[in-house]
Amino acid sequence: MRTTTKIATADVVGVERDTSKACPLPSAPDQDTGTHTVTTPSGAVQVPADPKRIVVLDTAALDAVCALGLWQRVVGATTISGPTPQPTYLGYGMQVVPSVGATGAVDVAKVSARHPDLILGTVGDGDAGALHGIAPTVLIGKDPSWQASFSAFADAMDRAGAGTTAISQYHTDAHQMGVSIAAKLSQASVLRFDAKDAQVQGDDTFAGAVLADAGVQRPTAQRGASFTVDSLATDADRDKVEGDIIYVMFDGKDGKDYGQKVMHSDDWKKLEAVSDNRNFAVDDTIWHGSGITAARAILSDLHDSLNGYVTD
């Protein structure tokens, strides 16, 4: 759990996040026994109808396993860079899963040692040929829609039906939450700092899609594709990032260092949302992630902050 409650001018959202129920109880398979065919970019793969030992090669796949209640079947997973091996929003149980290498650098020998009956990830996560020699391997295609990716992962785990139900319930919950906090009355700006600039997260990002699902409006300048902002020196520059509320995230330590520098500047403090104490720092692994568990975590952050103010 994070203990930092403030970064520069921004309160940190989600410090008290309860992850004990992030992953629900196990969902039912579409069929109990046998195998079923999954179509992947590299061809059709026969996978177990109800896999029992799953190795996971990226966070989006791990999010899907969690969302379908199969996290206890994960016998190995690649790890992310940073202070924890897996994103903390997925709960403690994921933190103790044996490592099979770093994300993007899969250790095939470690995968083999975990004796999986299903290997799950995205194209580019590893050598598909080598992994297929160990167990049925489903590397889904890279899709700009996180919901399409989640559905593909669900199908690979023989949970297409459970995946459809989960997506439907998410949309219901997003709408109801948005109504409860009058989300449509707020225009939220979303920025992601890296080591040298800030990217406005537009409608084509994960965060932008989830905000739209909840009915949160976006400033006029942010209603479209993402773009980079490298200065806040002029009114025109600041108009690009201004909003009723500003959410910021940081791409690793370098992003946090640069972001803090900007957020301590006089130009940043000229933003109306900042002077009105309505700028919040959010978890990059959630807001810049992919998956229904992360999407639900964003909804929780919105519920706790959209109509709030930074405390002294």
C-alpha atoms as a PDB file:
ATOM      1  CA  MET A   1       0.000   0.000   0.000  1.00  0.00           C
ATOM      2  CA  ARG A   2       1.283   3.472  -0.812  1.00  0.00           C
ATOM      3  CA  THR A   3       1.772   5.844   2.096  1.00  0.00           C
ATOM      4  CA  THR A   4       2.377   9.101   0.204  1.00  0.00           C
ATOM      5  CA  THR A   5      -0.681  11.319   0.494  1.00  0.00           C
ATOM      6  CA  LYS A   6       0.523  14.339  -1.476  1.00  0.00           C
ATOM      7  CA  ILE A   7       2.733  14.953  -4.517  1.00  0.00           C
ATOM      8  CA  ALA A   8       3.595  18.619  -5.079  1.00  0.00           C
ATOM      9  CA  THR A   9       0.234  20.441  -5.255  1.00  0.00           C
ATOM     10  CA  ALA A  10      -1.825  17.255  -5.693  1.00  0.00           C
ATOM     11  CA  ASP A  11      -3.479  14.860  -3.286  1.00  0.00           C
ATOM     12  CA  VAL A  12      -2.807  11.207  -4.086  1.00  0.00           C
ATOM     13  CA  VAL A  13      -6.001   9.296  -4.866  1.00  0.00           C
ATOM     14  CA  GLY A  14      -6.385   5.686  -3.786  1.00  0.00           C
ATOM     15  CA  VAL A  15      -3.980   5.572  -0.844  1.00  0.00           C
ATOM     16  CA  GLU A  16      -6.559   3.695   1.222  1.00  0.00           C
ATOM     17  CA  ARG A  17      -7.649   1.440  -1.646  1.00  0.00           C
ATOM     18  CA  ASP A  18      -9.020  -1.898  -0.393  1.00  0.00           C
ATOM     19  CA  THR A  19      -7.647  -4.593  -2.696  1.00  0.00           C
ATOM     20  CA  SER A  20      -8.836  -7.556  -0.641  1.00  0.00           C
ATOM     21  CA  LYS A  21     -11.752  -8.086  -3.030  1.00  0.00           C
ATOM     22  CA  ALA A  22     -10.116  -6.879  -6.241  1.00  0.00           C
ATOM     23  CA  CYS A  23     -10.381 -10.406  -7.663  1.00  0.00           C
ATOM     24  CA  PRO A  24     -13.855 -11.967  -7.304  1.00  0.00           C
ATOM     25  CA  LEU A  25     -14.736 -15.609  -6.720  1.00  0.00           C
ATOM     26  CA  PRO A  26     -13.999 -18.010  -9.590  1.00  0.00           C
ATOM     27  CA  SER A  27     -16.263 -17.776 -12.622  1.00  0.00           C
ATOM     28  CA  ALA A  28     -17.679 -20.845 -14.353  1.00  0.00           C
ATOM     29  CA  PRO A  29     -16.139 -22.191 -17.574  1.00  0.00           C
ATOM     30  CA  ASP A  30     -18.126 -22.350 -20.788  1.00  0.00           C
ATOM     31  CA  GLN A  31     -17.493 -26.108 -20.840  1.00  0.00           C
ATOM     32  CA  ASP A  32     -16.224 -28.325 -18.035  1.00  0.00           C
ATOM     33  CA  THR A  33     -14.004 -30.786 -19.853  1.00  0.00           C
ATOM     34  CA  GLY A  34     -12.050 -31.336 -23.037  1.00  0.00           C
ATOM     35  CA  THR A  35     -10.481 -28.601 -25.119  1.00  0.00           C
ATOM     36  CA  HIS A  36     -11.694 -25.720 -27.203  1.00  0.00           C
ATOM     37  CA  THR A  37     -10.246 -23.839 -30.147  1.00  0.00           C
ATOM     38  CA  VAL A  38      -8.977 -20.283 -29.769  1.00  0.00           C
ATOM     39  CA  THR A  39      -8.069 -18.235 -32.830  1.00  0.00           C
ATOM     40  CA  THR A  40      -4.892 -16.172 -32.439  1.00  0.00           C
ATOM     41  CA  PRO A  41      -2.868 -14.005 -34.856  1.00  0.00           C
ATOM     42  CA  SER A  42      -0.498 -16.971 -35.333  1.00  0.00           C
ATOM     43  CA  GLY A  43      -3.271 -19.497 -35.906  1.00  0.00           C
ATOM     44  CA  ALA A  44      -5.737 -21.728 -34.090  1.00  0.00           C
ATOM     45  CA  VAL A  45      -4.740 -23.141 -30.694  1.00  0.00           C
ATOM     46  CA  GLN A  46      -6.349 -25.997 -28.789  1.00  0.00           C
ATOM     47  CA  VAL A  47      -6.504 -25.007 -25.123  1.00  0.00           C
ATOM     48  CA  PRO A  48      -7.892 -26.754 -22.028  1.00  0.00           C
ATOM     49  CA  ALA A  49     -11.588 -26.153 -21.401  1.00  0.00           C
ATOM     50  CA  ASP A  50     -10.872 -25.198 -17.790  1.00  0.00           C
ATOM     51  CA  PRO A  51      -7.150 -24.412 -17.301  1.00  0.00           C
ATOM     52  CA  LYS A  52      -5.740 -25.104 -13.853  1.00  0.00           C
ATOM     53  CA  ARG A  53      -2.129 -23.851 -14.109  1.00  0.00           C
ATOM     54  CA  ILE A  54      -1.798 -20.515 -15.911  1.00  0.00           C
ATOM     55  CA  VAL A  55       1.384 -18.587 -16.692  1.00  0.00           C
ATOM     56  CA  VAL A  56       0.723 -14.920 -17.491  1.00  0.00           C
ATOM     57  CA  LEU A  57       3.052 -12.740 -19.563  1.00  0.00           C
ATOM     58  CA  ASP A  58       1.696  -9.201 -19.133  1.00  0.00           C
ATOM     59  CA  THR A  59      -0.393  -7.036 -16.816  1.00  0.00           C
ATOM     60  CA  ALA A  60      -3.446  -6.861 -19.087  1.00  0.00           C
ATOM     61  CA  ALA A  61      -3.680 -10.652 -19.084  1.00  0.00           C
ATOM     62  CA  LEU A  62      -3.132 -10.762 -15.318  1.00  0.00           C
ATOM     63  CA  ASP A  63      -5.906  -8.203 -14.874  1.00  0.00           C
ATOM     64  CA  ALA A  64      -8.241 -10.451 -16.883  1.00  0.00           C
ATOM     65  CA  VAL A  65      -7.339 -13.540 -14.854  1.00  0.00           C
ATOM     66  CA  CYS A  66      -8.078 -11.563 -11.693  1.00  0.00           C
ATOM     67  CA  ALA A  67     -11.387 -10.218 -13.033  1.00  0.00           C
ATOM     68  CA  LEU A  68     -12.593 -13.731 -13.828  1.00  0.00           C
ATOM     69  CA  GLY A  69     -11.648 -15.029 -10.387  1.00  0.00           C
ATOM     70  CA  LEU A  70      -8.850 -17.351 -11.541  1.00  0.00           C
ATOM     71  CA  TRP A  71      -5.941 -15.596  -9.818  1.00  0.00           C
ATOM     72  CA  GLN A  72      -5.216 -18.585  -7.587  1.00  0.00           C
ATOM     73  CA  ARG A  73      -4.520 -20.625 -10.709  1.00  0.00           C
ATOM     74  CA  VAL A  74      -1.661 -18.339 -11.755  1.00  0.00           C
ATOM     75  CA  VAL A  75       1.525 -20.351 -11.190  1.00  0.00           C
ATOM     76  CA  GLY A  76       3.889 -17.839 -12.776  1.00  0.00           C
ATOM     77  CA  ALA A  77       3.888 -14.309 -14.190  1.00  0.00           C
ATOM     78  CA  THR A  78       6.274 -11.758 -15.626  1.00  0.00           C
ATOM     79  CA  THR A  79       7.061  -8.867 -13.300  1.00  0.00           C
ATOM     80  CA  ILE A  80       6.916  -5.115 -13.816  1.00  0.00           C
ATOM     81  CA  SER A  81       9.601  -2.553 -12.995  1.00  0.00           C
ATOM     82  CA  GLY A  82       9.151  -0.588  -9.799  1.00  0.00           C
ATOM     83  CA  PRO A  83       8.792  -1.250  -6.075  1.00  0.00           C
ATOM     84  CA  THR A  84       6.365  -4.196  -6.436  1.00  0.00           C
ATOM     85  CA  PRO A  85       6.485  -7.194  -8.776  1.00  0.00           C
ATOM     86  CA  GLN A  86       2.880  -6.630  -9.862  1.00  0.00           C
ATOM     87  CA  PRO A  87       0.535  -3.616  -9.763  1.00  0.00           C
ATOM     88  CA  THR A  88      -0.735  -3.212  -6.216  1.00  0.00           C
ATOM     89  CA  TYR A  89      -4.336  -2.707  -7.333  1.00  0.00           C
ATOM     90  CA  LEU A  90      -4.499  -6.441  -8.132  1.00  0.00           C
ATOM     91  CA  GLY A  91      -4.083  -7.327  -4.466  1.00  0.00           C
ATOM     92  CA  TYR A  92      -1.487  -9.029  -2.282  1.00  0.00           C
ATOM     93  CA  GLY A  93      -1.972 -12.522  -3.699  1.00  0.00           C
ATOM     94  CA  MET A  94      -0.549 -11.451  -7.048  1.00  0.00           C
ATOM     95  CA  GLN A  95       2.591 -10.093  -5.422  1.00  0.00           C
ATOM     96  CA  VAL A  96       3.768 -13.557  -4.343  1.00  0.00           C
ATOM     97  CA  VAL A  97       3.269 -15.331  -7.678  1.00  0.00           C
ATOM     98  CA  PRO A  98       6.605 -16.829  -8.863  1.00  0.00           C
ATOM     99  CA  SER A  99       8.375 -14.738 -11.501  1.00  0.00           C
ATOM    100  CA  VAL A 100       9.015 -16.021 -15.027  1.00  0.00           C
ATOM    101  CA  GLY A 101      11.107 -13.009 -15.991  1.00  0.00           C
ATOM    102  CA  ALA A 102      10.414  -9.355 -16.570  1.00  0.00           C
ATOM    103  CA  THR A 103       7.618  -8.080 -18.793  1.00  0.00           C
ATOM    104  CA  GLY A 104       9.001  -8.131 -22.328  1.00  0.00           C
ATOM    105  CA  ALA A 105      11.849 -10.445 -21.296  1.00  0.00           C
ATOM    106  CA  VAL A 106      10.243 -13.818 -20.639  1.00  0.00           C
ATOM    107  CA  ASP A 107      12.514 -16.550 -19.253  1.00  0.00           C
ATOM    108  CA  VAL A 108      11.383 -19.663 -21.139  1.00  0.00           C
ATOM    109  CA  ALA A 109      13.133 -22.006 -18.707  1.00  0.00           C
ATOM    110  CA  LYS A 110      11.255 -20.488 -15.768  1.00  0.00           C
ATOM    111  CA  VAL A 111       7.985 -20.795 -17.662  1.00  0.00           C
ATOM    112  CA  SER A 112       8.678 -24.471 -18.311  1.00  0.00           C
ATOM    113  CA  ALA A 113       9.529 -25.067 -14.643  1.00  0.00           C
ATOM    114  CA  ARG A 114       6.040 -23.895 -13.640  1.00  0.00           C
ATOM    115  CA  HIS A 115       4.408 -26.727 -15.696  1.00  0.00           C
ATOM    116  CA  PRO A 116       1.534 -24.612 -17.046  1.00  0.00           C
ATOM    117  CA  ASP A 117      -1.429 -25.943 -18.971  1.00  0.00           C
ATOM    118  CA  LEU A 118      -2.050 -22.483 -20.479  1.00  0.00           C
ATOM    119  CA  ILE A 119       0.267 -19.575 -21.278  1.00  0.00           C
ATOM    120  CA  LEU A 120      -1.512 -16.257 -21.717  1.00  0.00           C
ATOM    121  CA  GLY A 121      -0.269 -12.923 -23.045  1.00  0.00           C
ATOM    122  CA  THR A 122      -0.148 -10.524 -25.983  1.00  0.00           C
ATOM    123  CA  VAL A 123       1.713 -10.709 -29.279  1.00  0.00           C
ATOM    124  CA  GLY A 124       5.301  -9.603 -28.613  1.00  0.00           C
ATOM    125  CA  ASP A 125       5.423 -10.858 -25.035  1.00  0.00           C
ATOM    126  CA  GLY A 126       7.669 -13.771 -25.904  1.00  0.00           C
ATOM    127  CA  ASP A 127       8.787 -16.323 -28.496  1.00  0.00           C
ATOM    128  CA  ALA A 128       5.502 -17.951 -29.457  1.00  0.00           C
ATOM    129  CA  GLY A 129       7.233 -20.983 -30.932  1.00  0.00           C
ATOM    130  CA  ALA A 130       9.271 -21.701 -27.819  1.00  0.00           C
ATOM    131  CA  LEU A 131       6.279 -21.143 -25.556  1.00  0.00           C
ATOM    132  CA  HIS A 132       4.045 -23.444 -27.635  1.00  0.00           C
ATOM    133  CA  GLY A 133       6.620 -26.172 -27.009  1.00  0.00           C
ATOM    134  CA  ILE A 134       5.819 -25.913 -23.291  1.00  0.00           C
ATOM    135  CA  ALA A 135       2.028 -25.605 -23.217  1.00  0.00           C
ATOM    136  CA  PRO A 136      -0.908 -24.270 -25.265  1.00  0.00           C
ATOM    137  CA  THR A 137      -0.101 -20.590 -25.728  1.00  0.00           C
ATOM    138  CA  VAL A 138      -2.546 -17.806 -26.517  1.00  0.00           C
ATOM    139  CA  LEU A 139      -0.933 -14.493 -27.421  1.00  0.00           C
ATOM    140  CA  ILE A 140      -3.796 -12.208 -28.397  1.00  0.00           C
ATOM    141  CA  GLY A 141      -3.478  -9.427 -30.952  1.00  0.00           C
ATOM    142  CA  LYS A 142      -2.878  -5.857 -29.861  1.00  0.00           C
ATOM    143  CA  ASP A 143      -6.258  -4.132 -29.949  1.00  0.00           C
ATOM    144  CA  PRO A 144      -6.874  -0.449 -29.116  1.00  0.00           C
ATOM    145  CA  SER A 145     -10.038  -1.512 -27.287  1.00  0.00           C
ATOM    146  CA  TRP A 146      -9.285  -2.795 -23.790  1.00  0.00           C
ATOM    147  CA  GLN A 147     -12.706  -4.447 -23.754  1.00  0.00           C
ATOM    148  CA  ALA A 148     -11.931  -6.419 -26.917  1.00  0.00           C
ATOM    149  CA  SER A 149      -8.636  -7.542 -25.374  1.00  0.00           C
ATOM    150  CA  PHE A 150     -10.368  -8.597 -22.165  1.00  0.00           C
ATOM    151  CA  SER A 151     -12.913 -10.602 -24.153  1.00  0.00           C
ATOM    152  CA  ALA A 152     -10.092 -12.339 -26.036  1.00  0.00           C
ATOM    153  CA  PHE A 153      -8.383 -13.278 -22.764  1.00  0.00           C
ATOM    154  CA  ALA A 154     -11.708 -14.512 -21.370  1.00  0.00           C
ATOM    155  CA  ASP A 155     -12.215 -16.729 -24.419  1.00  0.00           C
ATOM    156  CA  ALA A 156      -8.706 -18.154 -24.007  1.00  0.00           C
ATOM    157  CA  MET A 157      -9.609 -19.200 -20.450  1.00  0.00           C
ATOM    158  CA  ASP A 158     -12.906 -20.744 -21.625  1.00  0.00           C
ATOM    159  CA  ARG A 159     -14.831 -17.914 -19.974  1.00  0.00           C
ATOM    160  CA  ALA A 160     -16.368 -16.072 -22.920  1.00  0.00           C
ATOM    161  CA  GLY A 161     -19.737 -16.082 -21.196  1.00  0.00           C
ATOM    162  CA  ALA A 162     -18.333 -14.853 -17.895  1.00  0.00           C
ATOM    163  CA  GLY A 163     -16.379 -12.183 -19.768  1.00  0.00           C
ATOM    164  CA  THR A 164     -19.515 -10.887 -21.473  1.00  0.00           C
ATOM    165  CA  THR A 165     -21.315 -10.752 -18.130  1.00  0.00           C
ATOM    166  CA  ALA A 166     -18.406  -8.902 -16.510  1.00  0.00           C
ATOM    167  CA  ILE A 167     -18.318  -6.255 -19.254  1.00  0.00           C
ATOM    168  CA  SER A 168     -22.072  -5.745 -19.052  1.00  0.00           C
ATOM    169  CA  GLN A 169     -21.958  -5.334 -15.269  1.00  0.00           C
ATOM    170  CA  TYR A 170     -19.038  -2.914 -15.568  1.00  0.00           C
ATOM    171  CA  HIS A 171     -21.019  -0.668 -17.924  1.00  0.00           C
ATOM    172  CA  THR A 172     -24.005  -0.732 -15.589  1.00  0.00           C
ATOM    173  CA  ASP A 173     -21.827   0.148 -12.603  1.00  0.00           C
ATOM    174  CA  ALA A 174     -19.939   2.881 -14.516  1.00  0.00           C
ATOM    175  CA  HIS A 175     -23.188   4.545 -15.541  1.00  0.00           C
ATOM    176  CA  GLN A 176     -24.726   4.324 -12.073  1.00  0.00           C
ATOM    177  CA  MET A 177     -21.585   5.650 -10.407  1.00  0.00           C
ATOM    178  CA  GLY A 178     -21.394   8.519 -12.880  1.00  0.00           C
ATOM    179  CA  VAL A 179     -24.992   9.494 -12.191  1.00  0.00           C
ATOM    180  CA  SER A 180     -24.452   9.307  -8.434  1.00  0.00           C
ATOM    181  CA  ILE A 181     -21.640  11.880  -8.545  1.00  0.00           C
ATOM    182  CA  ALA A 182     -23.085  14.020 -11.370  1.00  0.00           C
ATOM    183  CA  ALA A 183     -20.074  13.154 -13.548  1.00  0.00           C
ATOM    184  CA  LYS A 184     -21.495  14.878 -16.629  1.00  0.00           C
ATOM    185  CA  LEU A 185     -21.185  18.261 -14.889  1.00  0.00           C
ATOM    186  CA  SER A 186     -17.372  18.044 -14.639  1.00  0.00           C
ATOM    187  CA  GLN A 187     -14.688  18.400 -17.290  1.00  0.00           C
ATOM    188  CA  ALA A 188     -11.665  16.344 -16.295  1.00  0.00           C
ATOM    189  CA  SER A 189      -8.181  16.920 -17.688  1.00  0.00           C
ATOM    190  CA  VAL A 190      -5.791  13.939 -17.625  1.00  0.00           C
ATOM    191  CA  LEU A 191      -2.003  14.290 -17.949  1.00  0.00           C
ATOM    192  CA  ARG A 192       0.819  11.766 -17.909  1.00  0.00           C
ATOM    193  CA  PHE A 193       4.331  12.994 -17.197  1.00  0.00           C
ATOM    194  CA  ASP A 194       7.397  11.234 -18.542  1.00  0.00           C
ATOM    195  CA  ALA A 195      11.023  12.289 -18.181  1.00  0.00           C
ATOM    196  CA  LYS A 196      10.785  15.337 -20.446  1.00  0.00           C
ATOM    197  CA  ASP A 197       7.198  16.343 -21.208  1.00  0.00           C
ATOM    198  CA  ALA A 198       3.534  15.728 -20.468  1.00  0.00           C
ATOM    199  CA  GLN A 199       1.048  13.847 -22.612  1.00  0.00           C
ATOM    200  CA  VAL A 200      -2.601  14.852 -22.542  1.00  0.00           C
ATOM    201  CA  GLN A 201      -4.538  11.587 -22.393  1.00  0.00           C
ATOM    202  CA  GLY A 202      -7.249  11.877 -25.028  1.00  0.00           C
ATOM    203  CA  ASP A 203     -10.234   9.776 -25.996  1.00  0.00           C
ATOM    204  CA  ASP A 204      -7.882   7.185 -27.518  1.00  0.00           C
ATOM    205  CA  THR A 205      -6.430   6.154 -24.144  1.00  0.00           C
ATOM    206  CA  PHE A 206      -7.546   3.713 -21.477  1.00  0.00           C
ATOM    207  CA  ALA A 207      -8.230   6.485 -18.962  1.00  0.00           C
ATOM    208  CA  GLY A 208     -10.149   8.481 -21.563  1.00  0.00           C
ATOM    209  CA  ALA A 209     -12.340   5.491 -22.398  1.00  0.00           C
ATOM    210  CA  VAL A 210     -13.206   4.782 -18.763  1.00  0.00           C
ATOM    211  CA  LEU A 211     -14.035   8.440 -18.075  1.00  0.00           C
ATOM    212  CA  ALA A 212     -16.374   8.347 -21.060  1.00  0.00           C
ATOM    213  CA  ASP A 213     -18.040   5.193 -19.725  1.00  0.00           C
ATOM    214  CA  ALA A 214     -18.742   7.030 -16.457  1.00  0.00           C
ATOM    215  CA  GLY A 215     -20.093  10.081 -18.276  1.00  0.00           C
ATOM    216  CA  VAL A 216     -17.249  12.367 -17.236  1.00  0.00           C
ATOM    217  CA  GLN A 217     -16.831  15.216 -19.726  1.00  0.00           C
ATOM    218  CA  ARG A 218     -13.482  16.347 -21.141  1.00  0.00           C
ATOM    219  CA  PRO A 219     -12.204  19.874 -21.850  1.00  0.00           C
ATOM    220  CA  THR A 220     -12.717  20.887 -25.471  1.00  0.00           C
ATOM    221  CA  ALA A 221      -8.992  20.645 -26.265  1.00  0.00           C
ATOM    222  CA  GLN A 222      -8.899  17.046 -25.023  1.00  0.00           C
ATOM    223  CA  ARG A 223     -11.827  15.679 -27.021  1.00  0.00           C
ATOM    224  CA  GLY A 224      -9.839  13.687 -29.520  1.00  0.00           C
ATOM    225  CA  ALA A 225      -6.458  12.015 -29.842  1.00  0.00           C
ATOM    226  CA  SER A 226      -3.724  12.355 -27.232  1.00  0.00           C
ATOM    227  CA  PHE A 227      -1.012  14.969 -27.704  1.00  0.00           C
ATOM    228  CA  THR A 228       2.155  16.220 -26.035  1.00  0.00           C
ATOM    229  CA  VAL A 229       2.585  19.453 -24.108  1.00  0.00           C
ATOM    230  CA  ASP A 230       6.143  20.600 -23.449  1.00  0.00           C
ATOM    231  CA  SER A 231       5.427  24.049 -22.007  1.00  0.00           C
ATOM    232  CA  LEU A 232       2.873  25.867 -19.855  1.00  0.00           C
ATOM    233  CA  ALA A 233       4.391  29.295 -20.459  1.00  0.00           C
ATOM    234  CA  THR A 234       1.448  30.888 -22.281  1.00  0.00           C
ATOM    235  CA  ASP A 235      -2.305  31.079 -21.799  1.00  0.00           C
ATOM    236  CA  ALA A 236      -2.712  29.008 -24.964  1.00  0.00           C
ATOM    237  CA  ASP A 237      -0.424  26.305 -23.544  1.00  0.00           C
ATOM    238  CA  ARG A 238      -2.297  26.232 -20.257  1.00  0.00           C
ATOM    239  CA  ASP A 239      -5.668  26.079 -22.021  1.00  0.00           C
ATOM    240  CA  LYS A 240      -4.618  22.696 -23.417  1.00  0.00           C
ATOM    241  CA  VAL A 241      -4.381  21.162 -19.945  1.00  0.00           C
ATOM    242  CA  GLU A 242      -6.942  23.202 -18.026  1.00  0.00           C
ATOM    243  CA  GLY A 243     -10.084  21.561 -16.677  1.00  0.00           C
ATOM    244  CA  ASP A 244     -12.528  21.662 -13.807  1.00  0.00           C
ATOM    245  CA  ILE A 245     -10.263  19.038 -12.287  1.00  0.00           C
ATOM    246  CA  ILE A 246      -6.826  17.778 -13.322  1.00  0.00           C
ATOM    247  CA  TYR A 247      -5.609  14.213 -12.853  1.00  0.00           C
ATOM    248  CA  VAL A 248      -1.889  13.531 -13.195  1.00  0.00           C
ATOM    249  CA  MET A 249       0.065  10.289 -13.444  1.00  0.00           C
ATOM    250  CA  PHE A 250       3.784   9.623 -13.687  1.00  0.00           C
ATOM    251  CA  ASP A 251       5.707   7.271 -15.964  1.00  0.00           C
ATOM    252  CA  GLY A 252       8.157   5.810 -13.458  1.00  0.00           C
ATOM    253  CA  LYS A 253      10.657   7.681 -11.288  1.00  0.00           C
ATOM    254  CA  ASP A 254      11.840   9.955 -14.108  1.00  0.00           C
ATOM    255  CA  GLY A 255       8.267  10.926 -14.892  1.00  0.00           C
ATOM    256  CA  LYS A 256       7.589  11.672 -11.253  1.00  0.00           C
ATOM    257  CA  ASP A 257      10.740  13.796 -10.958  1.00  0.00           C
ATOM    258  CA  TYR A 258       9.839  15.844 -14.025  1.00  0.00           C
ATOM    259  CA  GLY A 259       6.190  16.058 -13.045  1.00  0.00           C
ATOM    260  CA  GLN A 260       7.018  17.375  -9.591  1.00  0.00           C
ATOM    261  CA  LYS A 261       9.288  19.993 -11.143  1.00  0.00           C
ATOM    262  CA  VAL A 262       6.441  21.200 -13.367  1.00  0.00           C
ATOM    263  CA  MET A 263       3.910  21.091 -10.542  1.00  0.00           C
ATOM    264  CA  HIS A 264       6.100  23.303  -8.350  1.00  0.00           C
ATOM    265  CA  SER A 265       6.423  25.901 -11.127  1.00  0.00           C
ATOM    266  CA  ASP A 266       4.647  29.250 -11.230  1.00  0.00           C
ATOM    267  CA  ASP A 267       3.124  28.362 -14.619  1.00  0.00           C
ATOM    268  CA  TRP A 268       1.449  25.253 -13.162  1.00  0.00           C
ATOM    269  CA  LYS A 269       0.052  27.260 -10.270  1.00  0.00           C
ATOM    270  CA  LYS A 270      -1.620  29.622 -12.760  1.00  0.00           C
ATOM    271  CA  LEU A 271      -3.995  26.834 -13.796  1.00  0.00           C
ATOM    272  CA  GLU A 272      -7.443  27.474 -12.351  1.00  0.00           C
ATOM    273  CA  ALA A 273      -7.921  23.844 -11.298  1.00  0.00           C
ATOM    274  CA  VAL A 274      -4.664  24.053  -9.333  1.00  0.00           C
ATOM    275  CA  SER A 275      -5.437  27.398  -7.676  1.00  0.00           C
ATOM    276  CA  ASP A 276      -8.862  25.934  -6.817  1.00  0.00           C
ATOM    277  CA  ASN A 277      -7.192  22.900  -5.181  1.00  0.00           C
ATOM    278  CA  ARG A 278      -8.648  20.465  -7.693  1.00  0.00           C
ATOM    279  CA  ASN A 279      -5.660  18.514  -8.991  1.00  0.00           C
ATOM    280  CA  PHE A 280      -5.034  14.906  -8.027  1.00  0.00           C
ATOM    281  CA  ALA A 281      -2.270  12.353  -8.551  1.00  0.00           C
ATOM    282  CA  VAL A 282      -3.354   8.857  -9.599  1.00  0.00           C
ATOM    283  CA  ASP A 283      -1.672   5.462  -9.956  1.00  0.00           C
ATOM    284  CA  ASP A 284      -0.026   5.092 -13.370  1.00  0.00           C
ATOM    285  CA  THR A 285      -0.396   1.295 -13.370  1.00  0.00           C
ATOM    286  CA  ILE A 286      -4.160   1.805 -13.118  1.00  0.00           C
ATOM    287  CA  TRP A 287      -4.889   4.889 -15.224  1.00  0.00           C
ATOM    288  CA  HIS A 288      -2.371   3.960 -17.929  1.00  0.00           C
ATOM    289  CA  GLY A 289      -3.187   0.272 -17.752  1.00  0.00           C
ATOM    290  CA  SER A 290      -5.677  -2.010 -19.443  1.00  0.00           C
ATOM    291  CA  GLY A 291      -8.361  -4.289 -18.106  1.00  0.00           C
ATOM    292  CA  ILE A 292     -11.626  -4.421 -16.278  1.00  0.00           C
ATOM    293  CA  THR A 293     -10.059  -4.577 -12.813  1.00  0.00           C
ATOM    294  CA  ALA A 294      -8.088  -1.409 -13.558  1.00  0.00           C
ATOM    295  CA  ALA A 295     -11.201   0.209 -15.053  1.00  0.00           C
ATOM    296  CA  ARG A 296     -13.113  -0.466 -11.852  1.00  0.00           C
ATOM    297  CA  ALA A 297     -10.243   1.042  -9.858  1.00  0.00           C
ATOM    298  CA  ILE A 298     -10.526   4.223 -11.959  1.00  0.00           C
ATOM    299  CA  LEU A 299     -14.251   4.339 -11.213  1.00  0.00           C
ATOM    300  CA  SER A 300     -13.410   4.137  -7.517  1.00  0.00           C
ATOM    301  CA  ASP A 301     -10.897   6.986  -7.881  1.00  0.00           C
ATOM    302  CA  LEU A 302     -13.480   9.121  -9.686  1.00  0.00           C
ATOM    303  CA  HIS A 303     -16.065   8.424  -7.001  1.00  0.00           C
ATOM    304  CA  ASP A 304     -13.621   9.554  -4.315  1.00  0.00           C
ATOM    305  CA  SER A 305     -12.245  12.655  -6.038  1.00  0.00           C
ATOM    306  CA  LEU A 306     -14.296  14.095  -8.913  1.00  0.00           C
ATOM    307  CA  ASN A 307     -16.227  16.494  -6.695  1.00  0.00           C
ATOM    308  CA  GLY A 308     -13.500  16.876  -4.099  1.00  0.00           C
ATOM    309  CA  TYR A 309     -10.785  19.335  -3.240  1.00  0.00           C
ATOM    310  CA  VAL A 310      -7.148  18.932  -2.277  1.00  0.00           C
ATOM    311  CA  THR A 311      -6.742  19.052   1.478  1.00  0.00           C
ATOM    312  CA  ASP A 312      -4.224  21.273   3.225  1.00  0.00           C
END
